[in-house]
Amino acid sequence: GSRWVRGYEENNLGPKDSTGRSFGGNAMV
């Protein structure tokens, strides 16, 4: 999104939950 790793939808990267939506994670770089 607009803050980290621009060029992707907001909060789109990383793990996905059982519905396929972004779930975030406990570690980031």
mmCIF file of all heavy atoms, coordinates in Angstrom:
data_MODEL
# 
_entry.id   MODEL 
# 
loop_
_atom_site.group_PDB 
_atom_site.id 
_atom_site.type_symbol 
_atom_site.label_atom_id 
_atom_site.label_alt_id 
_atom_site.label_comp_id 
_atom_site.label_asym_id 
_atom_site.label_entity_id 
_atom_site.label_seq_id 
_atom_site.pdbx_PDB_ins_code 
_atom_site.Cartn_x 
_atom_site.Cartn_y 
_atom_site.Cartn_z 
_atom_site.occupancy 
_atom_site.B_iso_or_equiv 
_atom_site.pdbx_formal_charge 
_atom_site.auth_seq_id 
_atom_site.auth_comp_id 
_atom_site.auth_asym_id 
_atom_site.auth_atom_id 
_atom_site.pdbx_PDB_model_num 
ATOM 1   N N   . GLY A 1 1  ? 0.806   -1.215  0.000  1.00 0.00 ? 1  GLY A N   1 
ATOM 2   C CA  . GLY A 1 1  ? 0.000   0.000   0.000  1.00 0.00 ? 1  GLY A CA  1 
ATOM 3   C C   . GLY A 1 1  ? 0.834   1.257   0.000  1.00 0.00 ? 1  GLY A C   1 
ATOM 4   O O   . GLY A 1 1  ? 1.985   1.276   -0.462 1.00 0.00 ? 1  GLY A O   1 
ATOM 5   N N   . SER A 1 2  ? 0.281   2.325   0.542  1.00 0.00 ? 2  SER A N   1 
ATOM 6   C CA  . SER A 1 2  ? 0.910   3.645   0.442  1.00 0.00 ? 2  SER A CA  1 
ATOM 7   C C   . SER A 1 2  ? 2.087   3.828   1.382  1.00 0.00 ? 2  SER A C   1 
ATOM 8   O O   . SER A 1 2  ? 2.893   4.741   1.210  1.00 0.00 ? 2  SER A O   1 
ATOM 9   C CB  . SER A 1 2  ? -0.135  4.730   0.731  1.00 0.00 ? 2  SER A CB  1 
ATOM 10  O OG  . SER A 1 2  ? -0.689  4.566   2.032  1.00 0.00 ? 2  SER A OG  1 
ATOM 11  N N   . ARG A 1 3  ? 2.227   2.956   2.395  1.00 0.00 ? 3  ARG A N   1 
ATOM 12  C CA  . ARG A 1 3  ? 3.280   3.148   3.382  1.00 0.00 ? 3  ARG A CA  1 
ATOM 13  C C   . ARG A 1 3  ? 4.478   2.233   3.158  1.00 0.00 ? 3  ARG A C   1 
ATOM 14  O O   . ARG A 1 3  ? 5.614   2.687   3.116  1.00 0.00 ? 3  ARG A O   1 
ATOM 15  C CB  . ARG A 1 3  ? 2.710   2.934   4.787  1.00 0.00 ? 3  ARG A CB  1 
ATOM 16  C CG  . ARG A 1 3  ? 3.693   3.321   5.880  1.00 0.00 ? 3  ARG A CG  1 
ATOM 17  C CD  . ARG A 1 3  ? 3.081   3.207   7.259  1.00 0.00 ? 3  ARG A CD  1 
ATOM 18  N NE  . ARG A 1 3  ? 4.007   3.673   8.287  1.00 0.00 ? 3  ARG A NE  1 
ATOM 19  C CZ  . ARG A 1 3  ? 3.787   3.566   9.588  1.00 0.00 ? 3  ARG A CZ  1 
ATOM 20  N NH1 . ARG A 1 3  ? 2.668   3.014   10.024 1.00 0.00 ? 3  ARG A NH1 1 
ATOM 21  N NH2 . ARG A 1 3  ? 4.670   4.011   10.452 1.00 0.00 ? 3  ARG A NH2 1 
ATOM 22  N N   . TRP A 1 4  ? 4.251   0.947   3.049  1.00 0.00 ? 4  TRP A N   1 
ATOM 23  C CA  . TRP A 1 4  ? 5.328   -0.023  2.865  1.00 0.00 ? 4  TRP A CA  1 
ATOM 24  C C   . TRP A 1 4  ? 5.080   -0.826  1.603  1.00 0.00 ? 4  TRP A C   1 
ATOM 25  O O   . TRP A 1 4  ? 3.999   -1.375  1.400  1.00 0.00 ? 4  TRP A O   1 
ATOM 26  C CB  . TRP A 1 4  ? 5.414   -0.990  4.046  1.00 0.00 ? 4  TRP A CB  1 
ATOM 27  C CG  . TRP A 1 4  ? 5.918   -0.379  5.324  1.00 0.00 ? 4  TRP A CG  1 
ATOM 28  C CD1 . TRP A 1 4  ? 7.116   0.252   5.539  1.00 0.00 ? 4  TRP A CD1 1 
ATOM 29  C CD2 . TRP A 1 4  ? 5.239   -0.335  6.571  1.00 0.00 ? 4  TRP A CD2 1 
ATOM 30  N NE1 . TRP A 1 4  ? 7.217   0.673   6.837  1.00 0.00 ? 4  TRP A NE1 1 
ATOM 31  C CE2 . TRP A 1 4  ? 6.069   0.320   7.503  1.00 0.00 ? 4  TRP A CE2 1 
ATOM 32  C CE3 . TRP A 1 4  ? 3.997   -0.807  7.016  1.00 0.00 ? 4  TRP A CE3 1 
ATOM 33  C CZ2 . TRP A 1 4  ? 5.717   0.541   8.822  1.00 0.00 ? 4  TRP A CZ2 1 
ATOM 34  C CZ3 . TRP A 1 4  ? 3.637   -0.590  8.327  1.00 0.00 ? 4  TRP A CZ3 1 
ATOM 35  C CH2 . TRP A 1 4  ? 4.490   0.076   9.210  1.00 0.00 ? 4  TRP A CH2 1 
ATOM 36  N N   . VAL A 1 5  ? 6.082   -0.946  0.761  1.00 0.00 ? 5  VAL A N   1 
ATOM 37  C CA  . VAL A 1 5  ? 6.043   -1.700  -0.501 1.00 0.00 ? 5  VAL A CA  1 
ATOM 38  C C   . VAL A 1 5  ? 4.896   -1.198  -1.378 1.00 0.00 ? 5  VAL A C   1 
ATOM 39  O O   . VAL A 1 5  ? 3.885   -1.861  -1.600 1.00 0.00 ? 5  VAL A O   1 
ATOM 40  C CB  . VAL A 1 5  ? 5.921   -3.217  -0.263 1.00 0.00 ? 5  VAL A CB  1 
ATOM 41  C CG1 . VAL A 1 5  ? 6.241   -3.974  -1.560 1.00 0.00 ? 5  VAL A CG1 1 
ATOM 42  C CG2 . VAL A 1 5  ? 6.849   -3.694  0.845  1.00 0.00 ? 5  VAL A CG2 1 
ATOM 43  N N   . ARG A 1 6  ? 5.095   0.022   -1.844 1.00 0.00 ? 6  ARG A N   1 
ATOM 44  C CA  . ARG A 1 6  ? 4.118   0.629   -2.743 1.00 0.00 ? 6  ARG A CA  1 
ATOM 45  C C   . ARG A 1 6  ? 4.053   -0.154  -4.058 1.00 0.00 ? 6  ARG A C   1 
ATOM 46  O O   . ARG A 1 6  ? 5.001   -0.813  -4.446 1.00 0.00 ? 6  ARG A O   1 
ATOM 47  C CB  . ARG A 1 6  ? 4.517   2.091   -2.995 1.00 0.00 ? 6  ARG A CB  1 
ATOM 48  C CG  . ARG A 1 6  ? 4.330   2.984   -1.777 1.00 0.00 ? 6  ARG A CG  1 
ATOM 49  C CD  . ARG A 1 6  ? 5.161   4.247   -1.844 1.00 0.00 ? 6  ARG A CD  1 
ATOM 50  N NE  . ARG A 1 6  ? 6.574   3.969   -1.596 1.00 0.00 ? 6  ARG A NE  1 
ATOM 51  C CZ  . ARG A 1 6  ? 7.506   4.921   -1.531 1.00 0.00 ? 6  ARG A CZ  1 
ATOM 52  N NH1 . ARG A 1 6  ? 7.176   6.189   -1.724 1.00 0.00 ? 6  ARG A NH1 1 
ATOM 53  N NH2 . ARG A 1 6  ? 8.766   4.599   -1.290 1.00 0.00 ? 6  ARG A NH2 1 
ATOM 54  N N   . GLY A 1 7  ? 2.919   -0.081  -4.726 1.00 0.00 ? 7  GLY A N   1 
ATOM 55  C CA  . GLY A 1 7  ? 2.710   -0.851  -5.950 1.00 0.00 ? 7  GLY A CA  1 
ATOM 56  C C   . GLY A 1 7  ? 1.749   -2.001  -5.761 1.00 0.00 ? 7  GLY A C   1 
ATOM 57  O O   . GLY A 1 7  ? 1.347   -2.658  -6.719 1.00 0.00 ? 7  GLY A O   1 
ATOM 58  N N   . TYR A 1 8  ? 1.356   -2.241  -4.497 1.00 0.00 ? 8  TYR A N   1 
ATOM 59  C CA  . TYR A 1 8  ? 0.376   -3.276  -4.171 1.00 0.00 ? 8  TYR A CA  1 
ATOM 60  C C   . TYR A 1 8  ? -0.795  -2.658  -3.420 1.00 0.00 ? 8  TYR A C   1 
ATOM 61  O O   . TYR A 1 8  ? -0.677  -1.589  -2.814 1.00 0.00 ? 8  TYR A O   1 
ATOM 62  C CB  . TYR A 1 8  ? 1.016   -4.368  -3.308 1.00 0.00 ? 8  TYR A CB  1 
ATOM 63  C CG  . TYR A 1 8  ? 2.087   -5.151  -4.023 1.00 0.00 ? 8  TYR A CG  1 
ATOM 64  C CD1 . TYR A 1 8  ? 3.430   -4.776  -3.919 1.00 0.00 ? 8  TYR A CD1 1 
ATOM 65  C CD2 . TYR A 1 8  ? 1.772   -6.242  -4.807 1.00 0.00 ? 8  TYR A CD2 1 
ATOM 66  C CE1 . TYR A 1 8  ? 4.426   -5.479  -4.581 1.00 0.00 ? 8  TYR A CE1 1 
ATOM 67  C CE2 . TYR A 1 8  ? 2.760   -6.960  -5.468 1.00 0.00 ? 8  TYR A CE2 1 
ATOM 68  C CZ  . TYR A 1 8  ? 4.074   -6.570  -5.358 1.00 0.00 ? 8  TYR A CZ  1 
ATOM 69  O OH  . TYR A 1 8  ? 5.050   -7.265  -6.019 1.00 0.00 ? 8  TYR A OH  1 
ATOM 70  N N   . GLU A 1 9  ? -1.926  -3.345  -3.440 1.00 0.00 ? 9  GLU A N   1 
ATOM 71  C CA  . GLU A 1 9  ? -3.079  -2.880  -2.691 1.00 0.00 ? 9  GLU A CA  1 
ATOM 72  C C   . GLU A 1 9  ? -2.743  -2.810  -1.198 1.00 0.00 ? 9  GLU A C   1 
ATOM 73  O O   . GLU A 1 9  ? -1.879  -3.526  -0.706 1.00 0.00 ? 9  GLU A O   1 
ATOM 74  C CB  . GLU A 1 9  ? -4.279  -3.813  -2.899 1.00 0.00 ? 9  GLU A CB  1 
ATOM 75  C CG  . GLU A 1 9  ? -4.942  -3.683  -4.249 1.00 0.00 ? 9  GLU A CG  1 
ATOM 76  C CD  . GLU A 1 9  ? -5.693  -2.370  -4.432 1.00 0.00 ? 9  GLU A CD  1 
ATOM 77  O OE1 . GLU A 1 9  ? -5.884  -1.648  -3.436 1.00 0.00 ? 9  GLU A OE1 1 
ATOM 78  O OE2 . GLU A 1 9  ? -6.083  -2.072  -5.574 1.00 0.00 ? 9  GLU A OE2 1 
ATOM 79  N N   . GLU A 1 10 ? -3.463  -1.963  -0.510 1.00 0.00 ? 10 GLU A N   1 
ATOM 80  C CA  . GLU A 1 10 ? -3.206  -1.744  0.909  1.00 0.00 ? 10 GLU A CA  1 
ATOM 81  C C   . GLU A 1 10 ? -3.280  -3.065  1.686  1.00 0.00 ? 10 GLU A C   1 
ATOM 82  O O   . GLU A 1 10 ? -4.259  -3.806  1.584  1.00 0.00 ? 10 GLU A O   1 
ATOM 83  C CB  . GLU A 1 10 ? -4.231  -0.757  1.472  1.00 0.00 ? 10 GLU A CB  1 
ATOM 84  C CG  . GLU A 1 10 ? -3.779  -0.002  2.688  1.00 0.00 ? 10 GLU A CG  1 
ATOM 85  C CD  . GLU A 1 10 ? -2.728  1.054   2.350  1.00 0.00 ? 10 GLU A CD  1 
ATOM 86  O OE1 . GLU A 1 10 ? -2.732  1.601   1.230  1.00 0.00 ? 10 GLU A OE1 1 
ATOM 87  O OE2 . GLU A 1 10 ? -1.895  1.319   3.238  1.00 0.00 ? 10 GLU A OE2 1 
ATOM 88  N N   . ASN A 1 11 ? -2.211  -3.360  2.452  1.00 0.00 ? 11 ASN A N   1 
ATOM 89  C CA  . ASN A 1 11 ? -2.152  -4.524  3.340  1.00 0.00 ? 11 ASN A CA  1 
ATOM 90  C C   . ASN A 1 11 ? -2.335  -5.856  2.613  1.00 0.00 ? 11 ASN A C   1 
ATOM 91  O O   . ASN A 1 11 ? -2.790  -6.832  3.204  1.00 0.00 ? 11 ASN A O   1 
ATOM 92  C CB  . ASN A 1 11 ? -3.207  -4.407  4.449  1.00 0.00 ? 11 ASN A CB  1 
ATOM 93  C CG  . ASN A 1 11 ? -3.050  -3.144  5.267  1.00 0.00 ? 11 ASN A CG  1 
ATOM 94  O OD1 . ASN A 1 11 ? -1.944  -2.615  5.399  1.00 0.00 ? 11 ASN A OD1 1 
ATOM 95  N ND2 . ASN A 1 11 ? -4.149  -2.654  5.817  1.00 0.00 ? 11 ASN A ND2 1 
ATOM 96  N N   . ASN A 1 12 ? -1.949  -5.918  1.337  1.00 0.00 ? 12 ASN A N   1 
ATOM 97  C CA  . ASN A 1 12 ? -2.265  -7.105  0.532  1.00 0.00 ? 12 ASN A CA  1 
ATOM 98  C C   . ASN A 1 12 ? -1.264  -8.240  0.659  1.00 0.00 ? 12 ASN A C   1 
ATOM 99  O O   . ASN A 1 12 ? -1.609  -9.403  0.441  1.00 0.00 ? 12 ASN A O   1 
ATOM 100 C CB  . ASN A 1 12 ? -2.388  -6.695  -0.939 1.00 0.00 ? 12 ASN A CB  1 
ATOM 101 C CG  . ASN A 1 12 ? -2.588  -7.875  -1.869 1.00 0.00 ? 12 ASN A CG  1 
ATOM 102 O OD1 . ASN A 1 12 ? -1.737  -8.182  -2.698 1.00 0.00 ? 12 ASN A OD1 1 
ATOM 103 N ND2 . ASN A 1 12 ? -3.707  -8.561  -1.735 1.00 0.00 ? 12 ASN A ND2 1 
ATOM 104 N N   . LEU A 1 13 ? -0.033  -7.951  1.013  1.00 0.00 ? 13 LEU A N   1 
ATOM 105 C CA  . LEU A 1 13 ? 1.004   -8.982  0.983  1.00 0.00 ? 13 LEU A CA  1 
ATOM 106 C C   . LEU A 1 13 ? 0.974   -9.847  2.238  1.00 0.00 ? 13 LEU A C   1 
ATOM 107 O O   . LEU A 1 13 ? 0.384   -9.496  3.250  1.00 0.00 ? 13 LEU A O   1 
ATOM 108 C CB  . LEU A 1 13 ? 2.379   -8.332  0.825  1.00 0.00 ? 13 LEU A CB  1 
ATOM 109 C CG  . LEU A 1 13 ? 2.575   -7.525  -0.455 1.00 0.00 ? 13 LEU A CG  1 
ATOM 110 C CD1 . LEU A 1 13 ? 3.972   -6.919  -0.496 1.00 0.00 ? 13 LEU A CD1 1 
ATOM 111 C CD2 . LEU A 1 13 ? 2.316   -8.373  -1.686 1.00 0.00 ? 13 LEU A CD2 1 
ATOM 112 N N   . GLY A 1 14 ? 1.648   -10.998 2.152  1.00 0.00 ? 14 GLY A N   1 
ATOM 113 C CA  . GLY A 1 14 ? 1.783   -11.855 3.322  1.00 0.00 ? 14 GLY A CA  1 
ATOM 114 C C   . GLY A 1 14 ? 0.735   -12.938 3.431  1.00 0.00 ? 14 GLY A C   1 
ATOM 115 O O   . GLY A 1 14 ? 0.030   -13.268 2.472  1.00 0.00 ? 14 GLY A O   1 
ATOM 116 N N   . PRO A 1 15 ? 0.614   -13.538 4.628  1.00 0.00 ? 15 PRO A N   1 
ATOM 117 C CA  . PRO A 1 15 ? -0.280  -14.685 4.833  1.00 0.00 ? 15 PRO A CA  1 
ATOM 118 C C   . PRO A 1 15 ? -1.739  -14.365 4.526  1.00 0.00 ? 15 PRO A C   1 
ATOM 119 O O   . PRO A 1 15 ? -2.192  -13.230 4.683  1.00 0.00 ? 15 PRO A O   1 
ATOM 120 C CB  . PRO A 1 15 ? -0.094  -14.990 6.324  1.00 0.00 ? 15 PRO A CB  1 
ATOM 121 C CG  . PRO A 1 15 ? 1.235   -14.425 6.679  1.00 0.00 ? 15 PRO A CG  1 
ATOM 122 C CD  . PRO A 1 15 ? 1.390   -13.208 5.830  1.00 0.00 ? 15 PRO A CD  1 
ATOM 123 N N   . LYS A 1 16 ? -2.457  -15.386 4.107  1.00 0.00 ? 16 LYS A N   1 
ATOM 124 C CA  . LYS A 1 16 ? -3.889  -15.284 3.832  1.00 0.00 ? 16 LYS A CA  1 
ATOM 125 C C   . LYS A 1 16 ? -4.651  -16.200 4.784  1.00 0.00 ? 16 LYS A C   1 
ATOM 126 O O   . LYS A 1 16 ? -4.157  -17.249 5.196  1.00 0.00 ? 16 LYS A O   1 
ATOM 127 C CB  . LYS A 1 16 ? -4.182  -15.684 2.383  1.00 0.00 ? 16 LYS A CB  1 
ATOM 128 C CG  . LYS A 1 16 ? -3.434  -14.861 1.335  1.00 0.00 ? 16 LYS A CG  1 
ATOM 129 C CD  . LYS A 1 16 ? -3.854  -13.406 1.358  1.00 0.00 ? 16 LYS A CD  1 
ATOM 130 C CE  . LYS A 1 16 ? -3.245  -12.619 0.191  1.00 0.00 ? 16 LYS A CE  1 
ATOM 131 N NZ  . LYS A 1 16 ? -1.817  -12.311 0.385  1.00 0.00 ? 16 LYS A NZ  1 
ATOM 132 N N   . ASP A 1 17 ? -5.875  -15.805 5.131  1.00 0.00 ? 17 ASP A N   1 
ATOM 133 C CA  . ASP A 1 17 ? -6.690  -16.636 6.020  1.00 0.00 ? 17 ASP A CA  1 
ATOM 134 C C   . ASP A 1 17 ? -7.466  -17.667 5.205  1.00 0.00 ? 17 ASP A C   1 
ATOM 135 O O   . ASP A 1 17 ? -7.258  -17.825 3.998  1.00 0.00 ? 17 ASP A O   1 
ATOM 136 C CB  . ASP A 1 17 ? -7.607  -15.765 6.886  1.00 0.00 ? 17 ASP A CB  1 
ATOM 137 C CG  . ASP A 1 17 ? -8.628  -14.969 6.072  1.00 0.00 ? 17 ASP A CG  1 
ATOM 138 O OD1 . ASP A 1 17 ? -8.943  -15.368 4.923  1.00 0.00 ? 17 ASP A OD1 1 
ATOM 139 O OD2 . ASP A 1 17 ? -9.113  -13.944 6.574  1.00 0.00 ? 17 ASP A OD2 1 
ATOM 140 N N   . SER A 1 18 ? -8.382  -18.361 5.862  1.00 0.00 ? 18 SER A N   1 
ATOM 141 C CA  . SER A 1 18 ? -9.116  -19.452 5.210  1.00 0.00 ? 18 SER A CA  1 
ATOM 142 C C   . SER A 1 18 ? -10.056 -18.968 4.110  1.00 0.00 ? 18 SER A C   1 
ATOM 143 O O   . SER A 1 18 ? -10.504 -19.763 3.292  1.00 0.00 ? 18 SER A O   1 
ATOM 144 C CB  . SER A 1 18 ? -9.927  -20.228 6.256  1.00 0.00 ? 18 SER A CB  1 
ATOM 145 O OG  . SER A 1 18 ? -10.822 -19.356 6.932  1.00 0.00 ? 18 SER A OG  1 
ATOM 146 N N   . THR A 1 19 ? -10.347 -17.648 4.074  1.00 0.00 ? 19 THR A N   1 
ATOM 147 C CA  . THR A 1 19 ? -11.198 -17.106 3.019  1.00 0.00 ? 19 THR A CA  1 
ATOM 148 C C   . THR A 1 19 ? -10.378 -16.510 1.883  1.00 0.00 ? 19 THR A C   1 
ATOM 149 O O   . THR A 1 19 ? -10.936 -16.023 0.909  1.00 0.00 ? 19 THR A O   1 
ATOM 150 C CB  . THR A 1 19 ? -12.134 -16.009 3.584  1.00 0.00 ? 19 THR A CB  1 
ATOM 151 O OG1 . THR A 1 19 ? -11.342 -14.868 3.963  1.00 0.00 ? 19 THR A OG1 1 
ATOM 152 C CG2 . THR A 1 19 ? -12.914 -16.513 4.782  1.00 0.00 ? 19 THR A CG2 1 
ATOM 153 N N   . GLY A 1 20 ? -9.051  -16.543 2.025  1.00 0.00 ? 20 GLY A N   1 
ATOM 154 C CA  . GLY A 1 20 ? -8.192  -15.978 1.000  1.00 0.00 ? 20 GLY A CA  1 
ATOM 155 C C   . GLY A 1 20 ? -7.876  -14.512 1.190  1.00 0.00 ? 20 GLY A C   1 
ATOM 156 O O   . GLY A 1 20 ? -7.176  -13.916 0.360  1.00 0.00 ? 20 GLY A O   1 
ATOM 157 N N   . ARG A 1 21 ? -8.372  -13.920 2.272  1.00 0.00 ? 21 ARG A N   1 
ATOM 158 C CA  . ARG A 1 21 ? -8.087  -12.513 2.540  1.00 0.00 ? 21 ARG A CA  1 
ATOM 159 C C   . ARG A 1 21 ? -6.777  -12.363 3.311  1.00 0.00 ? 21 ARG A C   1 
ATOM 160 O O   . ARG A 1 21 ? -6.348  -13.286 4.004  1.00 0.00 ? 21 ARG A O   1 
ATOM 161 C CB  . ARG A 1 21 ? -9.230  -11.856 3.321  1.00 0.00 ? 21 ARG A CB  1 
ATOM 162 C CG  . ARG A 1 21 ? -10.548 -11.781 2.547  1.00 0.00 ? 21 ARG A CG  1 
ATOM 163 C CD  . ARG A 1 21 ? -11.562 -10.959 3.307  1.00 0.00 ? 21 ARG A CD  1 
ATOM 164 N NE  . ARG A 1 21 ? -11.993 -11.629 4.519  1.00 0.00 ? 21 ARG A NE  1 
ATOM 165 C CZ  . ARG A 1 21 ? -13.186 -12.186 4.697  1.00 0.00 ? 21 ARG A CZ  1 
ATOM 166 N NH1 . ARG A 1 21 ? -14.052 -12.190 3.708  1.00 0.00 ? 21 ARG A NH1 1 
ATOM 167 N NH2 . ARG A 1 21 ? -13.504 -12.754 5.851  1.00 0.00 ? 21 ARG A NH2 1 
ATOM 168 N N   . SER A 1 22 ? -6.185  -11.185 3.206  1.00 0.00 ? 22 SER A N   1 
ATOM 169 C CA  . SER A 1 22 ? -4.931  -10.916 3.913  1.00 0.00 ? 22 SER A CA  1 
ATOM 170 C C   . SER A 1 22 ? -5.146  -11.024 5.418  1.00 0.00 ? 22 SER A C   1 
ATOM 171 O O   . SER A 1 22 ? -6.134  -10.517 5.955  1.00 0.00 ? 22 SER A O   1 
ATOM 172 C CB  . SER A 1 22 ? -4.417  -9.529  3.556  1.00 0.00 ? 22 SER A CB  1 
ATOM 173 O OG  . SER A 1 22 ? -4.084  -9.449  2.196  1.00 0.00 ? 22 SER A OG  1 
ATOM 174 N N   . PHE A 1 23 ? -4.198  -11.693 6.073  1.00 0.00 ? 23 PHE A N   1 
ATOM 175 C CA  . PHE A 1 23 ? -4.314  -11.943 7.506  1.00 0.00 ? 23 PHE A CA  1 
ATOM 176 C C   . PHE A 1 23 ? -3.185  -11.295 8.301  1.00 0.00 ? 23 PHE A C   1 
ATOM 177 O O   . PHE A 1 23 ? -3.217  -11.262 9.523  1.00 0.00 ? 23 PHE A O   1 
ATOM 178 C CB  . PHE A 1 23 ? -4.299  -13.459 7.762  1.00 0.00 ? 23 PHE A CB  1 
ATOM 179 C CG  . PHE A 1 23 ? -4.799  -13.853 9.121  1.00 0.00 ? 23 PHE A CG  1 
ATOM 180 C CD1 . PHE A 1 23 ? -6.111  -13.621 9.490  1.00 0.00 ? 23 PHE A CD1 1 
ATOM 181 C CD2 . PHE A 1 23 ? -3.946  -14.462 10.029 1.00 0.00 ? 23 PHE A CD2 1 
ATOM 182 C CE1 . PHE A 1 23 ? -6.579  -13.993 10.753 1.00 0.00 ? 23 PHE A CE1 1 
ATOM 183 C CE2 . PHE A 1 23 ? -4.402  -14.838 11.295 1.00 0.00 ? 23 PHE A CE2 1 
ATOM 184 C CZ  . PHE A 1 23 ? -5.722  -14.604 11.649 1.00 0.00 ? 23 PHE A CZ  1 
ATOM 185 N N   . GLY A 1 24 ? -2.178  -10.748 7.601  1.00 0.00 ? 24 GLY A N   1 
ATOM 186 C CA  . GLY A 1 24 ? -1.044  -10.162 8.299  1.00 0.00 ? 24 GLY A CA  1 
ATOM 187 C C   . GLY A 1 24 ? -0.188  -11.229 8.956  1.00 0.00 ? 24 GLY A C   1 
ATOM 188 O O   . GLY A 1 24 ? -0.371  -12.429 8.738  1.00 0.00 ? 24 GLY A O   1 
ATOM 189 N N   . GLY A 1 25 ? 0.761   -10.793 9.759  1.00 0.00 ? 25 GLY A N   1 
ATOM 190 C CA  . GLY A 1 25 ? 1.644   -11.733 10.417 1.00 0.00 ? 25 GLY A CA  1 
ATOM 191 C C   . GLY A 1 25 ? 2.326   -11.106 11.614 1.00 0.00 ? 25 GLY A C   1 
ATOM 192 O O   . GLY A 1 25 ? 2.185   -9.916  11.876 1.00 0.00 ? 25 GLY A O   1 
ATOM 193 N N   . ASN A 1 26 ? 3.083   -11.907 12.316 1.00 0.00 ? 26 ASN A N   1 
ATOM 194 C CA  . ASN A 1 26 ? 3.731   -11.433 13.540 1.00 0.00 ? 26 ASN A CA  1 
ATOM 195 C C   . ASN A 1 26 ? 5.159   -10.941 13.309 1.00 0.00 ? 26 ASN A C   1 
ATOM 196 O O   . ASN A 1 26 ? 5.835   -10.539 14.252 1.00 0.00 ? 26 ASN A O   1 
ATOM 197 C CB  . ASN A 1 26 ? 3.740   -12.534 14.606 1.00 0.00 ? 26 ASN A CB  1 
ATOM 198 C CG  . ASN A 1 26 ? 4.678   -13.667 14.253 1.00 0.00 ? 26 ASN A CG  1 
ATOM 199 O OD1 . ASN A 1 26 ? 4.593   -14.232 13.160 1.00 0.00 ? 26 ASN A OD1 1 
ATOM 200 N ND2 . ASN A 1 26 ? 5.585   -14.000 15.158 1.00 0.00 ? 26 ASN A ND2 1 
ATOM 201 N N   . ALA A 1 27 ? 5.616   -10.967 12.060 1.00 0.00 ? 27 ALA A N   1 
ATOM 202 C CA  . ALA A 1 27 ? 6.953   -10.474 11.751 1.00 0.00 ? 27 ALA A CA  1 
ATOM 203 C C   . ALA A 1 27 ? 6.917   -9.744  10.418 1.00 0.00 ? 27 ALA A C   1 
ATOM 204 O O   . ALA A 1 27 ? 6.222   -10.156 9.487  1.00 0.00 ? 27 ALA A O   1 
ATOM 205 C CB  . ALA A 1 27 ? 7.959   -11.625 11.684 1.00 0.00 ? 27 ALA A CB  1 
ATOM 206 N N   . MET A 1 28 ? 7.645   -8.651  10.342 1.00 0.00 ? 28 MET A N   1 
ATOM 207 C CA  . MET A 1 28 ? 7.691   -7.900  9.088  1.00 0.00 ? 28 MET A CA  1 
ATOM 208 C C   . MET A 1 28 ? 9.076   -7.312  8.884  1.00 0.00 ? 28 MET A C   1 
ATOM 209 O O   . MET A 1 28 ? 9.827   -7.051  9.834  1.00 0.00 ? 28 MET A O   1 
ATOM 210 C CB  . MET A 1 28 ? 6.662   -6.768  9.068  1.00 0.00 ? 28 MET A CB  1 
ATOM 211 C CG  . MET A 1 28 ? 6.958   -5.609  10.003 1.00 0.00 ? 28 MET A CG  1 
ATOM 212 S SD  . MET A 1 28 ? 6.044   -4.102  9.599  1.00 0.00 ? 28 MET A SD  1 
ATOM 213 C CE  . MET A 1 28 ? 6.931   -3.565  8.134  1.00 0.00 ? 28 MET A CE  1 
ATOM 214 N N   . VAL A 1 29 ? 9.425   -7.121  7.610  1.00 0.00 ? 29 VAL A N   1 
ATOM 215 C CA  . VAL A 1 29 ? 10.640  -6.426  7.234  1.00 0.00 ? 29 VAL A CA  1 
ATOM 216 C C   . VAL A 1 29 ? 10.299  -5.542  6.041  1.00 0.00 ? 29 VAL A C   1 
ATOM 217 O O   . VAL A 1 29 ? 9.597   -5.965  5.122  1.00 0.00 ? 29 VAL A O   1 
ATOM 218 C CB  . VAL A 1 29 ? 11.774  -7.418  6.886  1.00 0.00 ? 29 VAL A CB  1 
ATOM 219 C CG1 . VAL A 1 29 ? 11.348  -8.389  5.788  1.00 0.00 ? 29 VAL A CG1 1 
ATOM 220 C CG2 . VAL A 1 29 ? 13.029  -6.670  6.481  1.00 0.00 ? 29 VAL A CG2 1 
# 
